[in-house]
């Protein structure tokens, strides 16, 4: 009988070890990755941003982008936080670090890095096999797209995030790499800021062949500048899938739709 306390302690440790990981996603893109890995059963809370997937409708919210509810977060007793740096203010990121909660932070600069980070998340949450299989499929699809849409001379593209004031994306943003997959080049790729503000004069100077924007209303004002190649050649194009701006696995198919739209407007001449 003297072995009973030791056996009970061993059983307790085994039970604790078997408890599922409690994950809180602090970015919609991270939430999407968890769904793609079929690991939403591990999520105990999410940071909201836009419409929620139906499968997570009843999951507790820990706030919205830039407005983290720290008290609610801690009440969920997370084992792991999935973080996109821009989704949480720096002061709260520092606070989370001091609390010692395990954190996986991701901010991919290109699509290859995004896929590697998806695979790393899968390993971190105990779904390595599933993550490897998914990552391999994404890499193969990406290889096909690069081969299909390669151009000898990259198509010059201005990616308009907003029109008043005029914002674009810098070269270190993953969307710039998506354009490269399509045989295109972000005309502001030389800027290091994530979302630099630019002016009409700088766009005129760089004279893109295509201007991409969220809707037709944001494109309409460019018609006042007929000297632009994008205007003269019918290169004003609505972004076909806004998923291109969410760095998760779905971004690869969003990139495919962008590539097809660019190729339809400006076929490669090889």
Protein backbone atom coordinates (compact mmCIF):
# COMPACT_ATOMS: atom_id res chain seq x y z
CA UNK A 1 0.00 0.00 0.00
CA UNK A 2 2.99 2.30 0.51
CA UNK A 3 3.23 2.59 -3.30
CA UNK A 4 -0.28 4.03 -3.58
CA UNK A 5 0.63 7.74 -3.02
CA UNK A 6 3.32 7.48 -5.68
CA UNK A 7 0.93 5.85 -8.14
CA UNK A 8 -1.69 8.51 -7.49
CA UNK A 9 0.88 11.26 -8.07
CA UNK A 10 1.97 9.62 -11.31
CA UNK A 11 -1.66 9.35 -12.45
CA UNK A 12 -2.24 13.03 -11.64
CA UNK A 13 0.82 14.09 -13.65
CA UNK A 14 -0.28 11.94 -16.60
CA UNK A 15 -3.77 13.45 -16.51
CA UNK A 16 -2.35 16.95 -16.46
CA UNK A 17 -0.03 16.16 -19.36
CA UNK A 18 -2.99 14.87 -21.36
CA UNK A 19 -4.97 18.09 -20.95
CA UNK A 20 -5.46 19.74 -24.36
CA UNK A 21 -3.48 22.87 -25.12
CA UNK A 22 -5.45 26.06 -24.47
CA UNK A 23 -4.77 28.46 -27.35
CA UNK A 24 -5.86 32.08 -27.75
CA UNK A 25 -5.47 33.64 -31.19
CA UNK A 26 -4.64 37.34 -31.17
CA UNK A 27 -5.06 37.90 -34.92
CA UNK A 28 -7.75 36.87 -37.44
CA UNK A 29 -5.05 35.43 -39.72
CA UNK A 30 -3.82 33.20 -36.88
CA UNK A 31 -7.39 32.09 -36.21
CA UNK A 32 -7.72 31.19 -39.87
CA UNK A 33 -4.52 29.12 -39.73
CA UNK A 34 -5.90 27.17 -36.76
CA UNK A 35 -9.02 26.39 -38.79
CA UNK A 36 -6.94 25.35 -41.79
CA UNK A 37 -4.99 22.96 -39.55
CA UNK A 38 -8.31 21.60 -38.21
CA UNK A 39 -7.13 22.64 -34.76
CA UNK A 40 -10.02 24.92 -33.79
CA UNK A 41 -10.79 22.46 -30.97
CA UNK A 42 -7.75 23.92 -29.17
CA UNK A 43 -8.96 27.53 -29.37
CA UNK A 44 -10.42 28.94 -26.16
CA UNK A 45 -10.57 32.60 -27.28
CA UNK A 46 -9.95 34.89 -30.25
CA UNK A 47 -9.28 38.54 -31.00
CA UNK A 48 -12.06 39.73 -33.29
CA UNK A 49 -11.53 41.47 -36.60
CA UNK A 50 -14.20 41.36 -39.27
CA UNK A 51 -16.75 38.58 -39.63
CA UNK A 52 -16.10 35.45 -37.60
CA UNK A 53 -16.08 31.97 -39.16
CA UNK A 54 -19.30 30.14 -38.30
CA UNK A 55 -17.38 27.39 -36.49
CA UNK A 56 -16.13 29.94 -33.93
CA UNK A 57 -19.31 31.94 -33.44
CA UNK A 58 -19.65 31.03 -29.74
CA UNK A 59 -15.97 31.28 -28.81
CA UNK A 60 -15.11 33.94 -26.17
CA UNK A 61 -13.75 37.24 -27.49
CA UNK A 62 -10.65 38.86 -25.98
CA UNK A 63 -11.27 42.20 -27.71
CA UNK A 64 -10.64 43.67 -31.14
CA UNK A 65 -7.51 44.62 -33.04
CA UNK A 66 -5.63 47.23 -31.02
CA UNK A 67 -8.03 46.80 -28.06
CA UNK A 68 -7.04 43.67 -26.14
CA UNK A 69 -9.16 42.88 -23.06
CA UNK A 70 -6.35 41.68 -20.79
CA UNK A 71 -8.62 40.66 -17.92
CA UNK A 72 -10.76 38.48 -20.18
CA UNK A 73 -7.66 36.99 -21.77
CA UNK A 74 -6.19 35.94 -18.43
CA UNK A 75 -9.51 34.46 -17.30
CA UNK A 76 -9.22 31.95 -20.17
CA UNK A 77 -5.94 30.57 -18.73
CA UNK A 78 -4.18 30.21 -22.10
CA UNK A 79 -1.14 27.96 -22.53
CA UNK A 80 -0.23 29.57 -25.84
CA UNK A 81 -0.90 32.91 -27.55
CA UNK A 82 -0.73 33.22 -31.33
CA UNK A 83 0.29 36.79 -32.05
CA UNK A 84 0.52 39.08 -35.07
CA UNK A 85 2.60 42.02 -33.70
CA UNK A 86 0.42 44.73 -35.25
CA UNK A 87 -2.79 43.37 -33.71
CA UNK A 88 -1.80 44.18 -30.11
CA UNK A 89 -0.43 47.54 -28.88
CA UNK A 90 3.27 47.49 -27.87
CA UNK A 91 2.50 48.20 -24.18
CA UNK A 92 0.20 45.19 -23.99
CA UNK A 93 2.72 43.01 -25.84
CA UNK A 94 5.26 43.93 -23.16
CA UNK A 95 2.72 43.14 -20.45
CA UNK A 96 2.07 39.69 -21.97
CA UNK A 97 5.82 39.05 -22.05
CA UNK A 98 6.11 39.91 -18.35
CA UNK A 99 3.27 37.50 -17.54
CA UNK A 100 5.32 34.69 -19.03
CA UNK A 101 2.59 33.19 -21.23
CA UNK A 102 4.08 31.18 -24.10
CA UNK A 103 3.72 33.15 -27.34
CA UNK A 104 4.17 32.32 -31.01
CA UNK A 105 4.67 35.53 -32.97
CA UNK A 106 4.54 35.62 -36.78
CA UNK A 107 4.91 38.41 -39.33
CA UNK A 108 5.98 36.80 -42.62
CA UNK A 109 7.76 38.93 -45.22
CA UNK A 110 7.06 36.55 -48.10
CA UNK A 111 4.83 33.58 -48.91
CA UNK A 112 7.57 30.97 -48.40
CA UNK A 113 8.08 32.32 -44.90
CA UNK A 114 4.32 32.28 -44.32
CA UNK A 115 4.13 28.58 -45.22
CA UNK A 116 7.10 27.81 -42.95
CA UNK A 117 5.36 29.64 -40.10
CA UNK A 118 2.13 27.67 -40.66
CA UNK A 119 4.21 24.49 -40.39
CA UNK A 120 5.88 25.79 -37.22
CA UNK A 121 2.51 26.60 -35.64
CA UNK A 122 1.34 23.07 -36.41
CA UNK A 123 4.39 21.66 -34.62
CA UNK A 124 3.90 23.98 -31.65
CA UNK A 125 0.29 22.85 -31.13
CA UNK A 126 1.02 19.15 -31.58
CA UNK A 127 -0.27 18.75 -35.13
CA UNK A 128 3.08 18.41 -36.90
CA UNK A 129 2.05 15.68 -39.34
CA UNK A 130 -1.02 17.55 -40.48
CA UNK A 131 0.94 20.80 -40.74
CA UNK A 132 3.68 19.21 -42.84
CA UNK A 133 1.16 17.73 -45.27
CA UNK A 134 -0.68 21.05 -45.59
CA UNK A 135 2.57 23.00 -46.05
CA UNK A 136 3.73 20.63 -48.79
CA UNK A 137 0.48 21.15 -50.69
CA UNK A 138 0.82 24.94 -50.37
CA UNK A 139 4.43 24.85 -51.59
CA UNK A 140 3.49 22.80 -54.63
CA UNK A 141 0.65 25.19 -55.51
CA UNK A 142 2.99 28.15 -55.11
CA UNK A 143 5.55 26.51 -57.39
CA UNK A 144 2.88 26.03 -60.06
CA UNK A 145 1.80 29.67 -59.85
CA UNK A 146 5.36 30.97 -60.15
CA UNK A 147 5.91 28.84 -63.21
CA UNK A 148 2.57 29.72 -64.82
CA UNK A 149 2.79 33.50 -64.38
CA UNK A 150 6.52 34.15 -64.81
CA UNK A 151 7.32 37.21 -66.95
CA UNK A 152 10.58 38.27 -68.51
CA UNK A 153 9.71 41.89 -67.62
CA UNK A 154 7.72 42.29 -64.37
CA UNK A 155 4.39 44.08 -64.64
CA UNK A 156 4.61 47.40 -62.73
CA UNK A 157 1.78 47.59 -60.18
CA UNK A 158 0.61 50.20 -57.71
CA UNK A 159 -1.26 48.53 -54.82
CA UNK A 160 -3.62 51.12 -53.34
CA UNK A 161 -4.66 50.37 -49.76
CA UNK A 162 -6.70 53.57 -49.38
CA UNK A 163 -7.37 56.69 -51.41
CA UNK A 164 -7.89 59.60 -48.98
CA UNK A 165 -5.14 59.87 -47.88
CA UNK A 166 -3.31 57.70 -50.36
CA UNK A 167 -1.71 54.61 -48.79
CA UNK A 168 0.14 51.70 -50.33
CA UNK A 169 2.21 48.73 -49.12
CA UNK A 170 5.98 48.68 -48.73
CA UNK A 171 8.32 46.07 -50.15
CA UNK A 172 8.62 44.05 -46.94
CA UNK A 173 4.90 43.23 -46.91
CA UNK A 174 3.89 39.72 -47.92
CA UNK A 175 1.52 41.17 -50.56
CA UNK A 176 4.56 42.47 -52.45
CA UNK A 177 5.77 38.88 -52.71
CA UNK A 178 2.31 37.78 -53.90
CA UNK A 179 2.68 40.30 -56.74
CA UNK A 180 6.09 38.82 -57.56
CA UNK A 181 4.51 35.35 -57.76
CA UNK A 182 2.20 36.83 -60.42
CA UNK A 183 5.12 38.17 -62.44
CA UNK A 184 4.53 41.71 -61.16
CA UNK A 185 6.42 44.27 -59.10
CA UNK A 186 5.16 46.65 -56.44
CA UNK A 187 6.28 50.07 -57.70
CA UNK A 188 6.87 51.12 -54.07
CA UNK A 189 8.84 48.00 -53.16
CA UNK A 190 11.80 50.21 -52.25
CA UNK A 191 9.89 51.60 -49.23
CA UNK A 192 10.46 49.72 -45.96
CA UNK A 193 7.42 50.99 -44.04
CA UNK A 194 4.55 48.48 -43.85
CA UNK A 195 1.92 50.92 -45.16
CA UNK A 196 3.54 54.17 -46.35
CA UNK A 197 1.51 57.24 -47.27
CA UNK A 198 2.34 58.45 -50.78
CA UNK A 199 1.07 61.20 -53.05
CA UNK A 200 -0.33 61.37 -56.57
CA UNK A 201 2.87 62.94 -57.90
CA UNK A 202 4.96 59.95 -56.75
CA UNK A 203 2.54 57.53 -58.43
CA UNK A 204 2.67 59.57 -61.64
CA UNK A 205 6.46 59.49 -61.51
CA UNK A 206 6.55 55.68 -61.15
CA UNK A 207 3.87 55.33 -63.84
CA UNK A 208 2.46 51.85 -63.05
CA UNK A 209 0.90 49.66 -65.72
CA UNK A 210 -1.80 48.48 -63.29
CA UNK A 211 -3.42 50.11 -60.27
CA UNK A 212 -5.09 47.75 -57.80
CA UNK A 213 -7.67 49.01 -55.30
CA UNK A 214 -10.49 47.67 -53.13
CA UNK A 215 -13.37 48.94 -55.27
CA UNK A 216 -14.23 50.98 -58.34
CA UNK A 217 -14.91 54.14 -56.33
CA UNK A 218 -11.27 54.21 -55.17
CA UNK A 219 -10.08 53.79 -58.76
CA UNK A 220 -12.32 56.47 -60.31
CA UNK A 221 -10.12 59.45 -59.38
CA UNK A 222 -7.19 58.10 -61.44
CA UNK A 223 -9.09 58.79 -64.65
CA UNK A 224 -8.12 62.43 -64.17
CA UNK A 225 -4.56 61.40 -65.10
CA UNK A 226 -4.81 59.93 -68.63
CA UNK A 227 -1.02 60.05 -69.01
CA UNK A 228 -0.74 57.13 -66.57
CA UNK A 229 -0.15 53.82 -68.34
CA UNK A 230 -2.69 52.18 -66.02
CA UNK A 231 -5.36 54.62 -67.20
CA UNK A 232 -4.41 54.71 -70.88
CA UNK A 233 -4.22 50.90 -71.18
CA UNK A 234 -7.24 49.98 -69.05
CA UNK A 235 -5.17 48.82 -66.10
CA UNK A 236 -7.45 50.02 -63.28
CA UNK A 237 -8.31 46.81 -61.50
CA UNK A 238 -10.35 45.93 -58.41
CA UNK A 239 -8.50 43.49 -56.15
CA UNK A 240 -10.29 40.21 -56.90
CA UNK A 241 -9.93 38.70 -53.42
CA UNK A 242 -9.17 40.68 -50.23
CA UNK A 243 -7.89 37.44 -48.73
CA UNK A 244 -4.62 38.47 -50.37
CA UNK A 245 -4.13 40.73 -47.32
CA UNK A 246 -4.66 37.93 -44.73
CA UNK A 247 -1.45 35.95 -44.25
CA UNK A 248 -2.83 32.43 -43.83
CA UNK A 249 -2.95 29.39 -46.08
CA UNK A 250 -5.91 30.75 -48.05
CA UNK A 251 -3.63 33.52 -49.29
CA UNK A 252 -2.14 31.17 -51.89
CA UNK A 253 -5.48 30.77 -53.70
CA UNK A 254 -6.17 34.49 -53.27
CA UNK A 255 -2.82 35.03 -55.00
CA UNK A 256 -3.91 32.68 -57.80
CA UNK A 257 -7.00 34.81 -58.39
CA UNK A 258 -4.89 37.98 -58.39
CA UNK A 259 -2.49 36.41 -60.91
CA UNK A 260 -5.36 35.45 -63.20
CA UNK A 261 -6.83 38.98 -63.01
CA UNK A 262 -3.46 40.59 -63.80
CA UNK A 263 -2.85 38.20 -66.68
CA UNK A 264 -6.28 38.98 -68.14
CA UNK A 265 -5.56 42.73 -68.04
CA UNK A 266 -1.96 42.49 -69.20
CA UNK A 267 -1.00 39.16 -70.80
CA UNK A 268 2.68 38.29 -70.60
CA UNK A 269 4.61 38.81 -73.84
CA UNK A 270 7.25 36.10 -73.92
